């Protein structure tokens, strides 16, 4: 996904990535309907030490449900419950 590549370049250039930037990228992913990219975005946030927001998780869960990926949506909900994300 182009937006994720752009964020990689931004970070390499020393730009500090924020939750707001990730929220914008999630918006483009939601429009594309690519649930795998939504999961990748959340994993990328965690790797970079940025806590995904509840809205980020809910967006990914909704996209997974819309794309018939119920097991992935369930795993995200379980993760949120286990990590007390609210």
PDB file of N, CA and C in Angstrom:
ATOM      1  N   UNK A   1       0.857  -1.182   0.000  1.00  0.00           N
ATOM      2  CA  UNK A   1       0.000   0.000   0.000  1.00  0.00           C
ATOM      3  C   UNK A   1       0.888   1.225   0.000  1.00  0.00           C
ATOM      4  N   UNK A   2       0.601   2.149  -0.871  1.00  0.00           N
ATOM      5  CA  UNK A   2       1.426   3.341  -1.054  1.00  0.00           C
ATOM      6  C   UNK A   2       1.568   4.149   0.234  1.00  0.00           C
ATOM      7  N   UNK A   3       0.496   4.289   0.983  1.00  0.00           N
ATOM      8  CA  UNK A   3       0.536   5.102   2.203  1.00  0.00           C
ATOM      9  C   UNK A   3       1.511   4.531   3.224  1.00  0.00           C
ATOM     10  N   UNK A   4       1.571   3.210   3.344  1.00  0.00           N
ATOM     11  CA  UNK A   4       2.529   2.597   4.275  1.00  0.00           C
ATOM     12  C   UNK A   4       3.960   2.838   3.814  1.00  0.00           C
ATOM     13  N   UNK A   5       4.186   2.774   2.520  1.00  0.00           N
ATOM     14  CA  UNK A   5       5.525   3.050   1.984  1.00  0.00           C
ATOM     15  C   UNK A   5       5.917   4.502   2.251  1.00  0.00           C
ATOM     16  N   UNK A   6       4.970   5.407   2.079  1.00  0.00           N
ATOM     17  CA  UNK A   6       5.224   6.811   2.348  1.00  0.00           C
ATOM     18  C   UNK A   6       5.614   7.011   3.805  1.00  0.00           C
ATOM     19  N   UNK A   7       4.929   6.326   4.707  1.00  0.00           N
ATOM     20  CA  UNK A   7       5.251   6.456   6.131  1.00  0.00           C
ATOM     21  C   UNK A   7       6.649   5.927   6.429  1.00  0.00           C
ATOM     22  N   UNK A   8       7.047   4.860   5.756  1.00  0.00           N
ATOM     23  CA  UNK A   8       8.414   4.348   5.918  1.00  0.00           C
ATOM     24  C   UNK A   8       9.431   5.406   5.515  1.00  0.00           C
ATOM     25  N   UNK A   9       9.194   6.051   4.380  1.00  0.00           N
ATOM     26  CA  UNK A   9      10.099   7.104   3.908  1.00  0.00           C
ATOM     27  C   UNK A   9      10.113   8.287   4.869  1.00  0.00           C
ATOM     28  N   UNK A  10       8.956   8.643   5.391  1.00  0.00           N
ATOM     29  CA  UNK A  10       8.872   9.754   6.333  1.00  0.00           C
ATOM     30  C   UNK A  10       9.701   9.460   7.573  1.00  0.00           C
ATOM     31  N   UNK A  11       9.570   8.246   8.085  1.00  0.00           N
ATOM     32  CA  UNK A  11      10.317   7.907   9.292  1.00  0.00           C
ATOM     33  C   UNK A  11      11.818   7.891   9.011  1.00  0.00           C
ATOM     34  N   UNK A  12      12.204   7.374   7.853  1.00  0.00           N
ATOM     35  CA  UNK A  12      13.627   7.371   7.489  1.00  0.00           C
ATOM     36  C   UNK A  12      14.175   8.780   7.370  1.00  0.00           C
ATOM     37  N   UNK A  13      13.315   9.731   7.010  1.00  0.00           N
ATOM     38  CA  UNK A  13      13.721  11.134   6.901  1.00  0.00           C
ATOM     39  C   UNK A  13      13.663  11.857   8.239  1.00  0.00           C
ATOM     40  N   UNK A  14      13.357  11.128   9.310  1.00  0.00           N
ATOM     41  CA  UNK A  14      13.368  11.705  10.646  1.00  0.00           C
ATOM     42  C   UNK A  14      12.053  12.301  11.098  1.00  0.00           C
ATOM     43  N   UNK A  15      11.003  12.092  10.337  1.00  0.00           N
ATOM     44  CA  UNK A  15       9.696  12.615  10.731  1.00  0.00           C
ATOM     45  C   UNK A  15       9.078  11.670  11.752  1.00  0.00           C
ATOM     46  N   UNK A  16       8.625  12.217  12.862  1.00  0.00           N
ATOM     47  CA  UNK A  16       8.014  11.419  13.916  1.00  0.00           C
ATOM     48  C   UNK A  16       6.577  11.088  13.508  1.00  0.00           C
ATOM     49  N   UNK A  17       6.280   9.801  13.438  1.00  0.00           N
ATOM     50  CA  UNK A  17       4.935   9.355  13.062  1.00  0.00           C
ATOM     51  C   UNK A  17       4.013   9.402  14.267  1.00  0.00           C
ATOM     52  N   UNK A  18       2.786   9.823  14.050  1.00  0.00           N
ATOM     53  CA  UNK A  18       1.829   9.976  15.142  1.00  0.00           C
ATOM     54  C   UNK A  18       0.595   9.108  14.906  1.00  0.00           C
ATOM     55  N   UNK A  19      -0.216   8.990  15.951  1.00  0.00           N
ATOM     56  CA  UNK A  19      -1.482   8.269  15.824  1.00  0.00           C
ATOM     57  C   UNK A  19      -2.365   8.916  14.770  1.00  0.00           C
ATOM     58  N   UNK A  20      -2.330  10.244  14.685  1.00  0.00           N
ATOM     59  CA  UNK A  20      -3.151  10.951  13.697  1.00  0.00           C
ATOM     60  C   UNK A  20      -2.746  10.577  12.273  1.00  0.00           C
ATOM     61  N   UNK A  21      -1.453  10.449  12.041  1.00  0.00           N
ATOM     62  CA  UNK A  21      -0.988  10.040  10.712  1.00  0.00           C
ATOM     63  C   UNK A  21      -1.469   8.629  10.383  1.00  0.00           C
ATOM     64  N   UNK A  22      -1.381   7.757  11.367  1.00  0.00           N
ATOM     65  CA  UNK A  22      -1.857   6.384  11.157  1.00  0.00           C
ATOM     66  C   UNK A  22      -3.363   6.353  10.925  1.00  0.00           C
ATOM     67  N   UNK A  23      -4.093   7.235  11.586  1.00  0.00           N
ATOM     68  CA  UNK A  23      -5.546   7.294  11.384  1.00  0.00           C
ATOM     69  C   UNK A  23      -5.861   7.679   9.939  1.00  0.00           C
ATOM     70  N   UNK A  24      -5.100   8.607   9.389  1.00  0.00           N
ATOM     71  CA  UNK A  24      -5.302   8.984   7.988  1.00  0.00           C
ATOM     72  C   UNK A  24      -5.025   7.817   7.054  1.00  0.00           C
ATOM     73  N   UNK A  25      -3.971   7.086   7.343  1.00  0.00           N
ATOM     74  CA  UNK A  25      -3.634   5.923   6.510  1.00  0.00           C
ATOM     75  C   UNK A  25      -4.722   4.863   6.635  1.00  0.00           C
ATOM     76  N   UNK A  26      -5.229   4.650   7.849  1.00  0.00           N
ATOM     77  CA  UNK A  26      -6.301   3.674   8.032  1.00  0.00           C
ATOM     78  C   UNK A  26      -7.510   4.075   7.192  1.00  0.00           C
ATOM     79  N   UNK A  27      -7.783   5.363   7.097  1.00  0.00           N
ATOM     80  CA  UNK A  27      -8.889   5.827   6.272  1.00  0.00           C
ATOM     81  C   UNK A  27      -8.726   5.430   4.821  1.00  0.00           C
ATOM     82  N   UNK A  28      -7.519   5.543   4.298  1.00  0.00           N
ATOM     83  CA  UNK A  28      -7.295   5.145   2.902  1.00  0.00           C
ATOM     84  C   UNK A  28      -7.400   3.634   2.739  1.00  0.00           C
ATOM     85  N   UNK A  29      -6.955   2.908   3.745  1.00  0.00           N
ATOM     86  CA  UNK A  29      -7.056   1.443   3.698  1.00  0.00           C
ATOM     87  C   UNK A  29      -8.523   1.026   3.725  1.00  0.00           C
ATOM     88  N   UNK A  30      -9.319   1.680   4.559  1.00  0.00           N
ATOM     89  CA  UNK A  30     -10.743   1.356   4.632  1.00  0.00           C
ATOM     90  C   UNK A  30     -11.416   1.571   3.278  1.00  0.00           C
ATOM     91  N   UNK A  31     -11.037   2.633   2.602  1.00  0.00           N
ATOM     92  CA  UNK A  31     -11.611   2.907   1.288  1.00  0.00           C
ATOM     93  C   UNK A  31     -11.220   1.839   0.274  1.00  0.00           C
ATOM     94  N   UNK A  32     -10.018   1.289   0.427  1.00  0.00           N
ATOM     95  CA  UNK A  32      -9.551   0.275  -0.522  1.00  0.00           C
ATOM     96  C   UNK A  32     -10.165  -1.098  -0.237  1.00  0.00           C
ATOM     97  N   UNK A  33     -10.643  -1.301   1.006  1.00  0.00           N
ATOM     98  CA  UNK A  33     -11.231  -2.583   1.368  1.00  0.00           C
ATOM     99  C   UNK A  33     -10.203  -3.684   1.595  1.00  0.00           C
ATOM    100  N   UNK A  34      -8.959  -3.315   1.836  1.00  0.00           N
ATOM    101  CA  UNK A  34      -7.888  -4.294   1.998  1.00  0.00           C
ATOM    102  C   UNK A  34      -7.666  -4.597   3.487  1.00  0.00           C
ATOM    103  N   UNK A  35      -8.332  -5.641   3.974  1.00  0.00           N
ATOM    104  CA  UNK A  35      -8.246  -5.963   5.402  1.00  0.00           C
ATOM    105  C   UNK A  35      -6.832  -6.365   5.816  1.00  0.00           C
ATOM    106  N   UNK A  36      -6.089  -6.989   4.918  1.00  0.00           N
ATOM    107  CA  UNK A  36      -4.715  -7.395   5.261  1.00  0.00           C
ATOM    108  C   UNK A  36      -3.843  -6.174   5.541  1.00  0.00           C
ATOM    109  N   UNK A  37      -4.053  -5.112   4.783  1.00  0.00           N
ATOM    110  CA  UNK A  37      -3.296  -3.883   5.017  1.00  0.00           C
ATOM    111  C   UNK A  37      -3.689  -3.238   6.341  1.00  0.00           C
ATOM    112  N   UNK A  38      -4.950  -3.362   6.724  1.00  0.00           N
ATOM    113  CA  UNK A  38      -5.393  -2.820   8.011  1.00  0.00           C
ATOM    114  C   UNK A  38      -4.667  -3.528   9.157  1.00  0.00           C
ATOM    115  N   UNK A  39      -4.553  -4.844   9.049  1.00  0.00           N
ATOM    116  CA  UNK A  39      -3.836  -5.611  10.077  1.00  0.00           C
ATOM    117  C   UNK A  39      -2.365  -5.235  10.078  1.00  0.00           C
ATOM    118  N   UNK A  40      -1.797  -5.106   8.882  1.00  0.00           N
ATOM    119  CA  UNK A  40      -0.392  -4.727   8.769  1.00  0.00           C
ATOM    120  C   UNK A  40      -0.151  -3.358   9.399  1.00  0.00           C
ATOM    121  N   UNK A  41      -1.089  -2.434   9.204  1.00  0.00           N
ATOM    122  CA  UNK A  41      -0.953  -1.102   9.786  1.00  0.00           C
ATOM    123  C   UNK A  41      -0.907  -1.175  11.309  1.00  0.00           C
ATOM    124  N   UNK A  42      -1.799  -1.959  11.893  1.00  0.00           N
ATOM    125  CA  UNK A  42      -1.808  -2.107  13.351  1.00  0.00           C
ATOM    126  C   UNK A  42      -0.500  -2.719  13.839  1.00  0.00           C
ATOM    127  N   UNK A  43      -0.029  -3.734  13.160  1.00  0.00           N
ATOM    128  CA  UNK A  43       1.244  -4.358  13.543  1.00  0.00           C
ATOM    129  C   UNK A  43       2.388  -3.360  13.400  1.00  0.00           C
ATOM    130  N   UNK A  44       2.358  -2.553  12.353  1.00  0.00           N
ATOM    131  CA  UNK A  44       3.387  -1.544  12.138  1.00  0.00           C
ATOM    132  C   UNK A  44       3.383  -0.525  13.277  1.00  0.00           C
ATOM    133  N   UNK A  45       2.208  -0.125  13.693  1.00  0.00           N
ATOM    134  CA  UNK A  45       2.111   0.816  14.805  1.00  0.00           C
ATOM    135  C   UNK A  45       2.753   0.230  16.055  1.00  0.00           C
ATOM    136  N   UNK A  46       2.409  -1.012  16.358  1.00  0.00           N
ATOM    137  CA  UNK A  46       2.955  -1.652  17.559  1.00  0.00           C
ATOM    138  C   UNK A  46       4.476  -1.758  17.475  1.00  0.00           C
ATOM    139  N   UNK A  47       4.976  -2.122  16.292  1.00  0.00           N
ATOM    140  CA  UNK A  47       6.423  -2.261  16.095  1.00  0.00           C
ATOM    141  C   UNK A  47       7.131  -0.929  16.339  1.00  0.00           C
ATOM    142  N   UNK A  48       6.485   0.155  15.946  1.00  0.00           N
ATOM    143  CA  UNK A  48       7.096   1.486  16.095  1.00  0.00           C
ATOM    144  C   UNK A  48       6.821   2.108  17.465  1.00  0.00           C
ATOM    145  N   UNK A  49       6.147   1.364  18.335  1.00  0.00           N
ATOM    146  CA  UNK A  49       5.888   1.858  19.679  1.00  0.00           C
ATOM    147  C   UNK A  49       4.727   2.831  19.770  1.00  0.00           C
ATOM    148  N   UNK A  50       3.843   2.803  18.771  1.00  0.00           N
ATOM    149  CA  UNK A  50       2.667   3.670  18.782  1.00  0.00           C
ATOM    150  C   UNK A  50       1.458   2.810  19.095  1.00  0.00           C
ATOM    151  N   UNK A  51       0.766   3.131  20.174  1.00  0.00           N
ATOM    152  CA  UNK A  51      -0.394   2.347  20.587  1.00  0.00           C
ATOM    153  C   UNK A  51      -1.576   2.625  19.666  1.00  0.00           C
ATOM    154  N   UNK A  52      -2.065   1.605  18.970  1.00  0.00           N
ATOM    155  CA  UNK A  52      -3.269   1.823  18.155  1.00  0.00           C
ATOM    156  C   UNK A  52      -4.434   2.257  19.043  1.00  0.00           C
ATOM    157  N   UNK A  53      -5.217   3.180  18.541  1.00  0.00           N
ATOM    158  CA  UNK A  53      -6.374   3.656  19.288  1.00  0.00           C
ATOM    159  C   UNK A  53      -7.529   2.669  19.149  1.00  0.00           C
ATOM    160  N   UNK A  54      -8.501   2.841  20.006  1.00  0.00           N
ATOM    161  CA  UNK A  54      -9.713   2.024  19.902  1.00  0.00           C
ATOM    162  C   UNK A  54     -10.335   2.191  18.521  1.00  0.00           C
ATOM    163  N   UNK A  55     -10.358   3.428  18.027  1.00  0.00           N
ATOM    164  CA  UNK A  55     -10.931   3.686  16.699  1.00  0.00           C
ATOM    165  C   UNK A  55     -10.179   2.933  15.608  1.00  0.00           C
ATOM    166  N   UNK A  56      -8.869   2.822  15.743  1.00  0.00           N
ATOM    167  CA  UNK A  56      -8.076   2.087  14.760  1.00  0.00           C
ATOM    168  C   UNK A  56      -8.470   0.618  14.765  1.00  0.00           C
ATOM    169  N   UNK A  57      -8.582   0.041  15.958  1.00  0.00           N
ATOM    170  CA  UNK A  57      -8.995  -1.358  16.066  1.00  0.00           C
ATOM    171  C   UNK A  57     -10.401  -1.565  15.519  1.00  0.00           C
ATOM    172  N   UNK A  58     -11.320  -0.686  15.891  1.00  0.00           N
ATOM    173  CA  UNK A  58     -12.709  -0.828  15.450  1.00  0.00           C
ATOM    174  C   UNK A  58     -12.786  -0.729  13.924  1.00  0.00           C
ATOM    175  N   UNK A  59     -12.020   0.170  13.341  1.00  0.00           N
ATOM    176  CA  UNK A  59     -11.993   0.287  11.880  1.00  0.00           C
ATOM    177  C   UNK A  59     -11.516  -1.002  11.240  1.00  0.00           C
ATOM    178  N   UNK A  60     -10.445  -1.568  11.778  1.00  0.00           N
ATOM    179  CA  UNK A  60      -9.908  -2.814  11.231  1.00  0.00           C
ATOM    180  C   UNK A  60     -10.903  -3.958  11.422  1.00  0.00           C
ATOM    181  N   UNK A  61     -11.537  -4.015  12.575  1.00  0.00           N
ATOM    182  CA  UNK A  61     -12.529  -5.064  12.850  1.00  0.00           C
ATOM    183  C   UNK A  61     -13.691  -4.950  11.878  1.00  0.00           C
ATOM    184  N   UNK A  62     -14.175  -3.747  11.684  1.00  0.00           N
ATOM    185  CA  UNK A  62     -15.287  -3.522  10.761  1.00  0.00           C
ATOM    186  C   UNK A  62     -14.917  -3.935   9.335  1.00  0.00           C
ATOM    187  N   UNK A  63     -13.731  -3.569   8.916  1.00  0.00           N
ATOM    188  CA  UNK A  63     -13.281  -3.934   7.573  1.00  0.00           C
ATOM    189  C   UNK A  63     -13.180  -5.448   7.433  1.00  0.00           C
ATOM    190  N   UNK A  64     -12.624  -6.107   8.434  1.00  0.00           N
ATOM    191  CA  UNK A  64     -12.517  -7.570   8.400  1.00  0.00           C
ATOM    192  C   UNK A  64     -13.899  -8.210   8.306  1.00  0.00           C
ATOM    193  N   UNK A  65     -14.834  -7.706   9.091  1.00  0.00           N
ATOM    194  CA  UNK A  65     -16.199  -8.242   9.041  1.00  0.00           C
ATOM    195  C   UNK A  65     -16.814  -8.044   7.664  1.00  0.00           C
ATOM    196  N   UNK A  66     -16.644  -6.843   7.122  1.00  0.00           N
ATOM    197  CA  UNK A  66     -17.207  -6.547   5.796  1.00  0.00           C
ATOM    198  C   UNK A  66     -16.616  -7.430   4.699  1.00  0.00           C
ATOM    199  N   UNK A  67     -15.376  -7.851   4.896  1.00  0.00           N
ATOM    200  CA  UNK A  67     -14.695  -8.682   3.902  1.00  0.00           C
ATOM    201  C   UNK A  67     -14.825 -10.174   4.220  1.00  0.00           C
ATOM    202  N   UNK A  68     -15.661 -10.508   5.210  1.00  0.00           N
ATOM    203  CA  UNK A  68     -15.903 -11.910   5.544  1.00  0.00           C
ATOM    204  C   UNK A  68     -14.792 -12.577   6.337  1.00  0.00           C
ATOM    205  N   UNK A  69     -13.926 -11.786   6.929  1.00  0.00           N
ATOM    206  CA  UNK A  69     -12.802 -12.321   7.713  1.00  0.00           C
ATOM    207  C   UNK A  69     -13.166 -12.310   9.202  1.00  0.00           C
ATOM    208  N   UNK A  70     -14.197 -13.098   9.516  1.00  0.00           N
ATOM    209  CA  UNK A  70     -14.721 -13.110  10.884  1.00  0.00           C
ATOM    210  C   UNK A  70     -13.693 -13.569  11.899  1.00  0.00           C
ATOM    211  N   UNK A  71     -12.866 -14.541  11.531  1.00  0.00           N
ATOM    212  CA  UNK A  71     -11.872 -15.051  12.486  1.00  0.00           C
ATOM    213  C   UNK A  71     -10.828 -13.984  12.815  1.00  0.00           C
ATOM    214  N   UNK A  72     -10.459 -13.170  11.843  1.00  0.00           N
ATOM    215  CA  UNK A  72      -9.495 -12.100  12.089  1.00  0.00           C
ATOM    216  C   UNK A  72     -10.131 -11.019  12.955  1.00  0.00           C
ATOM    217  N   UNK A  73     -11.381 -10.687  12.660  1.00  0.00           N
ATOM    218  CA  UNK A  73     -12.101  -9.702  13.472  1.00  0.00           C
ATOM    219  C   UNK A  73     -12.191 -10.179  14.917  1.00  0.00           C
ATOM    220  N   UNK A  74     -12.498 -11.459  15.093  1.00  0.00           N
ATOM    221  CA  UNK A  74     -12.594 -12.026  16.441  1.00  0.00           C
ATOM    222  C   UNK A  74     -11.251 -11.966  17.161  1.00  0.00           C
ATOM    223  N   UNK A  75     -10.171 -12.274  16.454  1.00  0.00           N
ATOM    224  CA  UNK A  75      -8.834 -12.215  17.065  1.00  0.00           C
ATOM    225  C   UNK A  75      -8.506 -10.794  17.517  1.00  0.00           C
ATOM    226  N   UNK A  76      -8.874  -9.805  16.713  1.00  0.00           N
ATOM    227  CA  UNK A  76      -8.639  -8.412  17.104  1.00  0.00           C
ATOM    228  C   UNK A  76      -9.454  -8.049  18.340  1.00  0.00           C
ATOM    229  N   UNK A  77     -10.708  -8.483  18.378  1.00  0.00           N
ATOM    230  CA  UNK A  77     -11.541  -8.200  19.554  1.00  0.00           C
ATOM    231  C   UNK A  77     -10.974  -8.881  20.795  1.00  0.00           C
ATOM    232  N   UNK A  78     -10.502 -10.102  20.643  1.00  0.00           N
ATOM    233  CA  UNK A  78      -9.887 -10.820  21.773  1.00  0.00           C
ATOM    234  C   UNK A  78      -8.637 -10.088  22.248  1.00  0.00           C
ATOM    235  N   UNK A  79      -7.824  -9.644  21.306  1.00  0.00           N
ATOM    236  CA  UNK A  79      -6.608  -8.902  21.662  1.00  0.00           C
ATOM    237  C   UNK A  79      -6.964  -7.642  22.443  1.00  0.00           C
ATOM    238  N   UNK A  80      -7.964  -6.910  21.947  1.00  0.00           N
ATOM    239  CA  UNK A  80      -8.391  -5.694  22.646  1.00  0.00           C
ATOM    240  C   UNK A  80      -8.849  -6.014  24.068  1.00  0.00           C
ATOM    241  N   UNK A  81      -9.594  -7.098  24.211  1.00  0.00           N
ATOM    242  CA  UNK A  81     -10.065  -7.495  25.534  1.00  0.00           C
ATOM    243  C   UNK A  81      -8.889  -7.888  26.426  1.00  0.00           C
ATOM    244  N   UNK A  82      -8.004  -8.716  25.900  1.00  0.00           N
ATOM    245  CA  UNK A  82      -6.859  -9.205  26.686  1.00  0.00           C
ATOM    246  C   UNK A  82      -5.929  -8.077  27.113  1.00  0.00           C
ATOM    247  N   UNK A  83      -5.763  -7.081  26.261  1.00  0.00           N
ATOM    248  CA  UNK A  83      -4.844  -5.954  26.551  1.00  0.00           C
ATOM    249  C   UNK A  83      -5.579  -4.769  27.152  1.00  0.00           C
ATOM    250  N   UNK A  84      -6.881  -4.939  27.422  1.00  0.00           N
ATOM    251  CA  UNK A  84      -7.705  -3.892  28.027  1.00  0.00           C
ATOM    252  C   UNK A  84      -7.666  -2.593  27.225  1.00  0.00           C
ATOM    253  N   UNK A  85      -7.776  -2.741  25.904  1.00  0.00           N
ATOM    254  CA  UNK A  85      -7.832  -1.572  25.025  1.00  0.00           C
ATOM    255  C   UNK A  85      -9.251  -1.042  25.039  1.00  0.00           C
ATOM    256  N   UNK A  86      -9.394   0.221  25.379  1.00  0.00           N
ATOM    257  CA  UNK A  86     -10.742   0.811  25.393  1.00  0.00           C
ATOM    258  C   UNK A  86     -10.692   2.261  24.998  1.00  0.00           C
TER     259      UNK A  86
END
